[in-house]
Amino acid sequence: MCSNRLAASASSQTQKALSVVSETGCSRSLISLDPDAAIRSVWRSVRPQPTSFPHPTLRAALPWNAGRFVGAKRPLKEKHVWAIRFHLAREERIRDRALFDLAIDSKLRDYDLVALKINDIVASGQVRHRALSVQKKTGRPVQFEITQTTRESIKISLDHHGGTLTDFVFPSRLGASAHLSTRQYARLLDEWITAVGLSAGEYGTHSLRRTKVALIYKRTGNIRAIQILLCHTKLDSTVRYLGVDVEDALALSEATDL
């Protein structure tokens, strides 16, 4: 008896479904041949489609340089150099002032600058007028000048922080046995740049390496001298480093009147 009831119920539901199929306009041939297939066909056409939502962790792929300044970092202008010096003096950041001044004078890459030891720039208790450093990248020695302004800021820093001749000029705050990291140096530079109203994204540690040679080139146009100061083996490297183009060359030529 139970099976008879189930069969009757199924038959009733099938008839209702077939009436819906008929109302939706499904062909009578399909209904008569395969009622179940007709019902499935109508169900597929009328059932609600699931709404798709983007996964919350997915983001549209952006190029790595989106919103960033790409290319060689700009050298500082003379007014910016003095603005940063004034800022560091006002904030009494003695070590940072010496670091900034020596970076401008030495024109060393960041890892060579932070690795300088006191005996590299001090002799007989006095800060040298000229010093020499062996470059990590090339293994070649390079000479650089230390101007009066820089000598004074270095002396004040060494007197304040102390140290022996074998210590680093700019020791890490984690201990005197390690030097200031290049990452921390870059962070400090970002602070200085921002403090004088410039965009940190447009400047980097190479900006300080390029600052003085860019000024020398502007005043003299002597690329060979700059090649020596930067210890470049090829003049082409110096030309690219300075960003010299045809307009620069023509401007120098026009300034020379015979």
Protein backbone atom coordinates (compact mmCIF):
# COMPACT_ATOMS: atom_id res chain seq x y z
CA MET A 1 0.00 0.00 0.00
CA CYS A 2 2.85 2.34 0.83
CA SER A 3 4.39 1.79 -2.59
CA ASN A 4 1.08 2.60 -4.24
CA ARG A 5 0.91 5.93 -2.38
CA LEU A 6 4.47 6.86 -3.44
CA ALA A 7 3.71 6.01 -7.03
CA ALA A 8 0.54 8.10 -6.96
CA SER A 9 2.42 11.04 -5.43
CA ALA A 10 5.16 10.83 -8.04
CA SER A 11 2.59 10.67 -10.81
CA SER A 12 0.83 13.74 -9.42
CA GLN A 13 4.08 15.74 -9.21
CA THR A 14 5.01 14.72 -12.73
CA GLN A 15 1.66 15.92 -14.05
CA LYS A 16 2.11 19.29 -12.34
CA ALA A 17 5.58 19.62 -13.77
CA LEU A 18 4.34 18.74 -17.22
CA SER A 19 1.67 21.43 -16.97
CA VAL A 20 4.40 23.95 -16.16
CA VAL A 21 6.42 22.67 -19.08
CA SER A 22 3.44 23.14 -21.36
CA GLU A 23 2.89 26.68 -20.15
CA THR A 24 6.53 27.59 -20.83
CA GLY A 25 6.12 26.64 -24.46
CA CYS A 26 8.20 23.48 -24.51
CA SER A 27 7.44 21.42 -27.61
CA ARG A 28 4.78 18.73 -27.22
CA SER A 29 6.98 16.25 -29.07
CA LEU A 30 9.66 16.58 -26.36
CA ILE A 31 7.02 16.20 -23.62
CA SER A 32 5.53 13.12 -25.16
CA LEU A 33 8.90 11.46 -25.89
CA ASP A 34 10.66 12.17 -22.60
CA PRO A 35 8.71 14.09 -19.90
CA ASP A 36 11.69 14.05 -17.50
CA ALA A 37 13.97 15.61 -20.11
CA ALA A 38 11.38 18.31 -20.75
CA ILE A 39 11.22 19.13 -17.05
CA ARG A 40 15.04 19.34 -16.80
CA SER A 41 15.18 21.59 -19.87
CA VAL A 42 12.67 24.04 -18.40
CA TRP A 43 14.37 23.98 -15.01
CA ARG A 44 17.70 24.91 -16.58
CA SER A 45 16.10 27.87 -18.36
CA VAL A 46 14.20 29.30 -15.40
CA ARG A 47 16.41 28.53 -12.40
CA PRO A 48 18.17 31.59 -10.93
CA GLN A 49 21.83 31.97 -11.91
CA PRO A 50 24.34 32.25 -9.05
CA THR A 51 25.76 35.73 -8.51
CA SER A 52 29.54 35.84 -8.78
CA PHE A 53 31.53 38.01 -6.41
CA PRO A 54 35.29 38.69 -6.69
CA HIS A 55 37.38 36.91 -4.12
CA PRO A 56 38.31 39.42 -1.38
CA THR A 57 41.99 38.44 -1.48
CA LEU A 58 42.32 38.93 -5.23
CA ARG A 59 43.52 42.27 -6.54
CA ALA A 60 43.95 43.55 -10.05
CA ALA A 61 47.53 43.05 -11.15
CA LEU A 62 49.41 46.35 -11.25
CA PRO A 63 52.78 46.97 -12.86
CA TRP A 64 55.64 47.00 -10.34
CA ASN A 65 56.45 50.64 -11.12
CA ALA A 66 52.89 52.01 -10.81
CA GLY A 67 53.05 55.39 -9.10
CA ARG A 68 56.81 55.23 -8.68
CA PHE A 69 59.58 57.42 -10.02
CA VAL A 70 61.55 55.22 -12.41
CA GLY A 71 65.03 55.98 -13.67
CA ALA A 72 68.20 57.49 -12.27
CA LYS A 73 67.64 59.26 -8.98
CA ARG A 74 67.97 63.02 -9.19
CA PRO A 75 70.97 64.83 -7.78
CA LEU A 76 70.28 67.44 -5.14
CA LYS A 77 70.51 71.09 -6.05
CA GLU A 78 72.82 73.36 -4.08
CA LYS A 79 69.90 74.99 -2.25
CA HIS A 80 68.64 71.56 -1.21
CA VAL A 81 72.06 70.61 0.18
CA TRP A 82 72.10 73.67 2.42
CA ALA A 83 68.45 73.17 3.41
CA ILE A 84 69.24 69.64 4.63
CA ARG A 85 72.35 70.85 6.45
CA PHE A 86 70.30 73.51 8.21
CA HIS A 87 67.64 70.96 9.15
CA LEU A 88 70.15 68.51 10.62
CA ALA A 89 71.94 71.27 12.54
CA ARG A 90 68.66 72.60 13.94
CA GLU A 91 67.63 69.09 15.04
CA GLU A 92 71.12 68.53 16.52
CA ARG A 93 71.58 65.33 14.54
CA ILE A 94 75.35 65.33 14.74
CA ARG A 95 76.07 61.94 13.22
CA ASP A 96 73.55 62.45 10.40
CA ARG A 97 75.11 65.77 9.47
CA ALA A 98 78.56 64.15 9.20
CA LEU A 99 77.10 61.28 7.18
CA PHE A 100 75.36 63.64 4.77
CA ASP A 101 78.42 65.86 4.29
CA LEU A 102 80.79 62.94 3.74
CA ALA A 103 78.37 61.32 1.27
CA ILE A 104 78.38 64.51 -0.81
CA ASP A 105 82.18 64.91 -0.76
CA SER A 106 83.22 61.28 -1.14
CA LYS A 107 80.79 60.41 -3.95
CA LEU A 108 81.00 56.81 -2.72
CA ARG A 109 78.34 54.16 -3.21
CA ASP A 110 76.23 53.53 -0.13
CA TYR A 111 77.95 50.29 0.94
CA ASP A 112 81.42 51.84 0.56
CA LEU A 113 80.41 54.94 2.52
CA VAL A 114 78.98 53.14 5.56
CA ALA A 115 81.99 50.78 5.66
CA LEU A 116 84.54 53.59 6.13
CA LYS A 117 86.68 53.29 9.24
CA ILE A 118 88.08 56.15 11.25
CA ASN A 119 91.65 55.46 10.12
CA ASP A 120 90.47 55.88 6.50
CA ILE A 121 89.75 59.56 7.07
CA VAL A 122 91.80 60.50 10.16
CA ALA A 123 95.58 60.79 10.52
CA SER A 124 97.57 62.18 13.45
CA GLY A 125 94.37 63.20 15.20
CA GLN A 126 93.18 65.32 12.27
CA VAL A 127 90.58 64.67 9.62
CA ARG A 128 92.37 64.23 6.30
CA HIS A 129 91.96 66.69 3.44
CA ARG A 130 91.99 63.73 1.05
CA ALA A 131 91.19 60.09 1.65
CA LEU A 132 91.23 56.83 -0.24
CA SER A 133 88.76 53.96 -0.32
CA VAL A 134 88.82 50.60 -2.11
CA GLN A 135 85.53 50.07 -3.90
CA LYS A 136 83.65 46.90 -3.08
CA LYS A 137 82.10 46.71 -6.56
CA THR A 138 85.30 46.97 -8.61
CA GLY A 139 88.12 46.41 -6.12
CA ARG A 140 89.75 49.58 -7.40
CA PRO A 141 90.91 52.40 -5.10
CA VAL A 142 89.32 55.82 -5.45
CA GLN A 143 90.45 59.10 -3.94
CA PHE A 144 88.15 61.80 -2.69
CA GLU A 145 88.45 65.20 -1.08
CA ILE A 146 87.09 66.19 2.32
CA THR A 147 86.21 69.87 2.34
CA GLN A 148 86.43 72.18 5.33
CA THR A 149 82.69 72.00 6.00
CA THR A 150 82.77 68.21 6.03
CA ARG A 151 85.94 68.02 8.13
CA GLU A 152 84.28 70.14 10.79
CA SER A 153 81.10 68.05 10.92
CA ILE A 154 83.12 64.80 11.04
CA LYS A 155 85.30 66.11 13.87
CA ILE A 156 82.25 67.15 15.90
CA SER A 157 80.68 63.72 15.33
CA LEU A 158 83.83 61.81 16.32
CA ASP A 159 84.35 63.97 19.41
CA HIS A 160 80.74 63.35 20.41
CA HIS A 161 80.57 59.60 19.77
CA GLY A 162 84.21 58.65 20.34
CA GLY A 163 85.89 55.53 18.93
CA THR A 164 89.28 54.14 17.99
CA LEU A 165 91.01 54.24 14.62
CA THR A 166 89.79 50.74 13.79
CA ASP A 167 86.15 51.55 14.52
CA PHE A 168 83.63 52.45 11.85
CA VAL A 169 82.98 56.14 11.24
CA PHE A 170 79.25 55.41 11.34
CA PRO A 171 78.73 52.46 13.71
CA SER A 172 75.47 50.60 14.02
CA ARG A 173 73.35 51.41 17.03
CA LEU A 174 73.26 47.68 17.68
CA GLY A 175 76.97 47.73 18.50
CA ALA A 176 80.32 49.25 17.53
CA SER A 177 81.44 46.02 15.85
CA ALA A 178 79.02 46.61 12.96
CA HIS A 179 78.54 49.62 10.72
CA LEU A 180 75.37 51.47 9.84
CA SER A 181 73.39 49.38 7.35
CA THR A 182 72.69 50.63 3.84
CA ARG A 183 68.98 50.15 4.53
CA GLN A 184 69.11 52.42 7.56
CA TYR A 185 71.17 54.94 5.58
CA ALA A 186 68.45 54.98 2.90
CA ARG A 187 65.74 55.46 5.55
CA LEU A 188 67.65 58.39 7.05
CA LEU A 189 67.98 59.96 3.62
CA ASP A 190 64.23 59.65 3.06
CA GLU A 191 63.69 61.55 6.32
CA TRP A 192 66.08 64.33 5.30
CA ILE A 193 64.55 64.65 1.83
CA THR A 194 61.01 64.78 3.18
CA ALA A 195 61.97 67.30 5.87
CA VAL A 196 62.92 69.90 3.24
CA GLY A 197 59.77 69.40 1.17
CA LEU A 198 61.08 67.08 -1.55
CA SER A 199 59.58 63.80 -2.72
CA ALA A 200 61.49 60.88 -1.22
CA GLY A 201 60.56 58.67 -4.19
CA GLU A 202 62.58 60.84 -6.58
CA TYR A 203 65.80 60.68 -4.56
CA GLY A 204 68.01 57.92 -3.19
CA THR A 205 71.50 57.28 -1.90
CA HIS A 206 72.79 57.59 -5.48
CA SER A 207 71.46 61.16 -5.44
CA LEU A 208 74.20 62.09 -2.97
CA ARG A 209 76.82 60.32 -5.10
CA ARG A 210 75.68 62.32 -8.13
CA THR A 211 75.13 65.70 -6.47
CA LYS A 212 78.63 67.13 -6.54
CA VAL A 213 79.61 65.74 -9.95
CA ALA A 214 76.39 67.11 -11.45
CA LEU A 215 77.33 70.56 -10.15
CA ILE A 216 80.90 70.20 -11.47
CA TYR A 217 79.57 69.23 -14.88
CA LYS A 218 77.17 72.16 -14.90
CA ARG A 219 79.96 74.59 -14.06
CA THR A 220 82.78 73.17 -16.18
CA GLY A 221 81.44 70.57 -18.62
CA ASN A 222 84.56 68.50 -17.85
CA ILE A 223 83.32 64.93 -18.16
CA ARG A 224 86.83 63.47 -18.00
CA ALA A 225 87.35 64.97 -14.53
CA ILE A 226 84.04 63.50 -13.40
CA GLN A 227 85.04 60.12 -14.79
CA ILE A 228 88.13 60.18 -12.57
CA LEU A 229 86.18 61.30 -9.51
CA LEU A 230 83.64 58.49 -9.94
CA CYS A 231 86.37 55.98 -10.86
CA HIS A 232 84.56 54.93 -14.01
CA THR A 233 86.62 52.87 -16.45
CA LYS A 234 84.67 54.05 -19.50
CA LEU A 235 83.70 57.58 -20.42
CA ASP A 236 80.40 56.25 -21.79
CA SER A 237 79.49 55.13 -18.27
CA THR A 238 80.04 58.65 -16.98
CA VAL A 239 77.98 60.17 -19.79
CA ARG A 240 75.08 57.83 -19.00
CA TYR A 241 75.47 58.40 -15.27
CA LEU A 242 75.20 62.15 -15.69
CA GLY A 243 72.37 61.83 -18.18
CA VAL A 244 74.21 63.96 -20.73
CA ASP A 245 72.23 64.37 -23.94
CA VAL A 246 72.47 66.34 -27.18
CA GLU A 247 70.84 69.42 -25.63
CA ASP A 248 73.49 69.52 -22.89
CA ALA A 249 76.29 69.21 -25.43
CA LEU A 250 74.85 71.97 -27.62
CA ALA A 251 74.32 74.26 -24.62
CA LEU A 252 77.98 73.89 -23.66
CA SER A 253 79.04 74.55 -27.23
CA GLU A 254 76.85 77.65 -27.49
CA ALA A 255 78.34 79.01 -24.28
CA THR A 256 81.80 78.92 -25.88
CA ASP A 257 82.14 81.99 -28.08
CA LEU A 258 85.18 82.34 -30.35
